[in-house]
Amino acid sequence: MSNYLVGPDKKNLFGRRSTWDFDQAIEASSDGDVIEIEAGFDPFNGQNNQSIVITKSITIQGHVENRENEHIYTNTIDGIVVKDGATVTLQNICIQKNTDKSNAITVRMGSTVIAEDVYLINKSTTGTNYPIVYISGNSHVQLKNVTVGASKISDGKHRIYVENSELTIRNSWICAKVYLKHAQFLCGKLQV
């Protein structure tokens, strides 16, 4: 098991970078590895708008600061697509989309996402909403202490979509509809 620290391009005494680029860390990682994003670092600087495809069972960790009873996520990544039976654990991170017609999290093909202390938001103000979370193909998603922010696009399509899969929500704040089609839904202490 390896740990990859993602952060700004800092050089060490030998002229080598001491941190990883986020995309390169995903590519180099193997099942069981942890990718930690340096506190305060934004791997995409709000510019990417391309979801990252993950086919490995890894953990992606960010950092949270608590200031005056406010939970501040210091790391933001773009959307992720988890497929091919991978299990991805997300901890202490914000996943933000800045464009319409895009999912923050897509889980397919028998894959699993475990999100703990995660904030999901789409900041687009025009266009059409796609589900903020899309789950299909016998996949599983667990949301614990997760906040799904409200959409600024008022088209009634801001939702978590679950088809032929399982969704578990615990101790979370969900400002979106939950749509189930041939799905299993378990929840505890849910606020909508």
Protein backbone atom coordinates (compact mmCIF):
# COMPACT_ATOMS: atom_id res chain seq x y z
CA MET A 1 0.00 0.00 0.00
CA SER A 2 1.36 3.41 -1.00
CA ASN A 3 0.46 6.97 -0.06
CA TYR A 4 0.55 9.76 -2.63
CA LEU A 5 0.59 13.39 -1.48
CA VAL A 6 -0.98 15.72 -4.04
CA GLY A 7 0.03 19.35 -3.80
CA PRO A 8 1.64 22.33 -5.51
CA ASP A 9 4.74 21.77 -7.62
CA LYS A 10 7.45 22.12 -4.98
CA LYS A 11 10.97 21.00 -5.74
CA ASN A 12 13.20 19.38 -3.14
CA LEU A 13 16.95 19.78 -2.71
CA PHE A 14 17.62 17.41 -5.65
CA GLY A 15 15.30 19.26 -8.04
CA ARG A 16 12.60 16.60 -7.86
CA ARG A 17 8.97 17.34 -7.18
CA SER A 18 8.00 16.34 -3.62
CA THR A 19 4.26 16.10 -4.35
CA TRP A 20 2.17 14.46 -7.05
CA ASP A 21 -0.15 15.91 -9.68
CA PHE A 22 -3.68 14.56 -8.95
CA ASP A 23 -4.14 12.84 -12.34
CA GLN A 24 -0.68 11.27 -12.14
CA ALA A 25 -1.34 10.01 -8.59
CA ILE A 26 -4.57 8.35 -9.76
CA GLU A 27 -2.75 6.74 -12.69
CA ALA A 28 0.19 5.52 -10.57
CA SER A 29 -1.94 4.21 -7.70
CA SER A 30 -2.88 0.58 -7.12
CA ASP A 31 -5.67 -1.09 -5.17
CA GLY A 32 -5.45 -0.16 -1.49
CA ASP A 33 -3.46 3.05 -2.02
CA VAL A 34 -4.28 6.40 -0.41
CA ILE A 35 -4.19 9.70 -2.28
CA GLU A 36 -4.03 12.61 0.15
CA ILE A 37 -4.50 16.16 -1.06
CA GLU A 38 -2.39 18.71 0.82
CA ALA A 39 -4.53 20.98 3.02
CA GLY A 40 -5.65 24.08 1.13
CA PHE A 41 -4.59 22.77 -2.29
CA ASP A 42 -7.06 22.76 -5.21
CA PRO A 43 -5.76 20.23 -7.77
CA PHE A 44 -7.77 21.78 -10.60
CA ASN A 45 -7.90 25.41 -9.53
CA GLY A 46 -11.53 25.45 -10.71
CA GLN A 47 -10.49 25.00 -14.34
CA ASN A 48 -10.98 21.35 -15.30
CA ASN A 49 -14.70 20.46 -15.61
CA GLN A 50 -13.66 16.92 -16.59
CA SER A 51 -14.64 14.05 -14.32
CA ILE A 52 -11.84 11.69 -13.35
CA VAL A 53 -12.38 8.02 -14.23
CA ILE A 54 -11.30 5.64 -11.46
CA THR A 55 -11.07 1.87 -11.95
CA LYS A 56 -8.99 1.07 -8.84
CA SER A 57 -9.95 0.56 -5.20
CA ILE A 58 -8.37 3.62 -3.57
CA THR A 59 -8.97 6.25 -0.91
CA ILE A 60 -8.97 9.98 -1.67
CA GLN A 61 -8.51 12.16 1.41
CA GLY A 62 -8.83 15.89 1.78
CA HIS A 63 -8.80 18.15 4.81
CA VAL A 64 -11.44 20.01 6.79
CA GLU A 65 -11.03 22.96 9.15
CA ASN A 66 -13.58 23.86 11.79
CA ARG A 67 -13.79 27.61 12.35
CA GLU A 68 -16.46 29.25 14.50
CA ASN A 69 -18.83 26.27 14.16
CA GLU A 70 -18.33 26.26 10.39
CA HIS A 71 -17.04 23.23 8.49
CA ILE A 72 -14.57 24.43 5.81
CA TYR A 73 -13.42 21.99 3.12
CA THR A 74 -9.90 22.99 2.14
CA ASN A 75 -9.76 20.73 -0.95
CA THR A 76 -12.04 20.67 -3.98
CA ILE A 77 -11.91 18.17 -6.82
CA ASP A 78 -13.97 17.84 -9.97
CA GLY A 79 -16.41 14.99 -10.51
CA ILE A 80 -15.46 11.33 -10.41
CA VAL A 81 -16.61 8.29 -12.37
CA VAL A 82 -16.05 4.98 -10.57
CA LYS A 83 -16.46 1.80 -12.64
CA ASP A 84 -15.24 -1.75 -13.31
CA GLY A 85 -15.93 -3.02 -9.77
CA ALA A 86 -13.68 -0.48 -8.02
CA THR A 87 -14.27 0.69 -4.45
CA VAL A 88 -13.41 4.33 -3.81
CA THR A 89 -13.48 5.92 -0.37
CA LEU A 90 -13.79 9.72 -0.24
CA GLN A 91 -13.01 11.57 2.99
CA ASN A 92 -13.06 15.25 3.99
CA ILE A 93 -13.40 16.66 0.49
CA CYS A 94 -15.62 18.86 -1.67
CA ILE A 95 -16.63 17.60 -5.11
CA GLN A 96 -17.74 20.55 -7.19
CA LYS A 97 -19.01 20.78 -10.74
CA ASN A 98 -19.16 24.14 -12.50
CA THR A 99 -21.14 23.17 -15.58
CA ASP A 100 -24.63 21.88 -16.30
CA LYS A 101 -25.31 18.36 -17.58
CA SER A 102 -22.69 16.74 -15.36
CA ASN A 103 -22.64 14.44 -12.32
CA ALA A 104 -20.44 15.05 -9.29
CA ILE A 105 -20.28 11.29 -8.65
CA THR A 106 -21.06 8.54 -11.17
CA VAL A 107 -20.88 4.93 -9.98
CA ARG A 108 -21.42 2.05 -12.43
CA MET A 109 -20.56 -1.52 -13.33
CA GLY A 110 -20.68 -3.11 -9.87
CA SER A 111 -18.61 -0.42 -8.17
CA THR A 112 -18.78 1.12 -4.70
CA VAL A 113 -18.28 4.64 -3.32
CA ILE A 114 -18.02 5.28 0.40
CA ALA A 115 -18.23 9.03 1.09
CA GLU A 116 -17.57 10.31 4.61
CA ASP A 117 -17.69 13.99 5.45
CA VAL A 118 -18.04 15.08 1.81
CA TYR A 119 -19.72 18.14 0.28
CA LEU A 120 -21.28 17.78 -3.21
CA ILE A 121 -22.28 20.84 -5.21
CA ASN A 122 -22.93 21.94 -8.78
CA LYS A 123 -22.37 25.71 -9.05
CA SER A 124 -23.79 26.12 -12.56
CA THR A 125 -26.53 28.76 -12.76
CA THR A 126 -27.87 28.05 -16.27
CA GLY A 127 -28.72 25.00 -18.35
CA THR A 128 -30.05 21.61 -17.28
CA ASN A 129 -29.33 19.60 -14.14
CA TYR A 130 -28.09 16.04 -14.39
CA PRO A 131 -28.17 13.95 -11.20
CA ILE A 132 -25.57 15.16 -8.70
CA VAL A 133 -25.01 11.45 -7.93
CA TYR A 134 -25.75 8.77 -10.54
CA ILE A 135 -25.65 5.10 -9.46
CA SER A 136 -26.35 2.16 -11.78
CA GLY A 137 -25.38 -1.38 -12.72
CA ASN A 138 -25.50 -3.22 -9.38
CA SER A 139 -23.37 -0.58 -7.65
CA HIS A 140 -23.35 0.63 -4.04
CA VAL A 141 -22.99 4.10 -2.54
CA GLN A 142 -22.74 4.95 1.15
CA LEU A 143 -23.09 8.59 2.20
CA LYS A 144 -22.20 9.38 5.82
CA ASN A 145 -22.05 12.98 7.08
CA VAL A 146 -22.49 14.17 3.49
CA THR A 147 -24.04 17.44 2.37
CA VAL A 148 -25.57 17.76 -1.09
CA GLY A 149 -25.91 21.46 -1.80
CA ALA A 150 -28.98 22.94 -3.46
CA SER A 151 -28.93 23.62 -7.20
CA LYS A 152 -29.23 27.14 -8.59
CA ILE A 153 -30.90 25.71 -11.70
CA SER A 154 -34.61 25.40 -10.91
CA ASP A 155 -35.60 22.66 -13.35
CA GLY A 156 -36.66 20.02 -10.78
CA LYS A 157 -33.96 17.59 -11.96
CA HIS A 158 -31.41 18.04 -9.14
CA ARG A 159 -31.34 14.54 -7.68
CA ILE A 160 -29.56 11.43 -6.60
CA TYR A 161 -30.49 8.80 -9.20
CA VAL A 162 -30.28 5.11 -8.25
CA GLU A 163 -31.07 2.33 -10.74
CA ASN A 164 -30.56 -1.40 -10.09
CA SER A 165 -28.24 -0.47 -7.21
CA GLU A 166 -28.10 0.34 -3.50
CA LEU A 167 -27.89 3.69 -1.69
CA THR A 168 -27.28 4.10 2.05
CA ILE A 169 -27.48 7.56 3.64
CA ARG A 170 -26.63 8.26 7.27
CA ASN A 171 -26.50 11.54 9.19
CA SER A 172 -26.54 13.67 6.02
CA TRP A 173 -28.14 16.82 4.64
CA ILE A 174 -29.52 16.24 1.12
CA CYS A 175 -30.87 19.26 -0.80
CA ALA A 176 -31.94 17.13 -3.77
CA LYS A 177 -34.57 14.58 -4.73
CA VAL A 178 -33.76 10.89 -4.44
CA TYR A 179 -35.02 8.88 -7.44
CA LEU A 180 -35.08 5.09 -7.10
CA LYS A 181 -35.68 2.57 -9.89
CA HIS A 182 -35.37 -1.11 -8.91
CA ALA A 183 -33.12 0.02 -6.07
CA GLN A 184 -32.55 -0.50 -2.38
CA PHE A 185 -32.50 2.59 -0.16
CA LEU A 186 -31.42 2.60 3.50
CA CYS A 187 -31.28 5.75 5.56
CA GLY A 188 -30.79 6.99 9.07
CA LYS A 189 -30.92 10.56 10.39
CA LEU A 190 -31.54 12.13 7.00
CA GLN A 191 -32.47 15.77 6.52
CA VAL A 192 -33.96 16.88 3.20
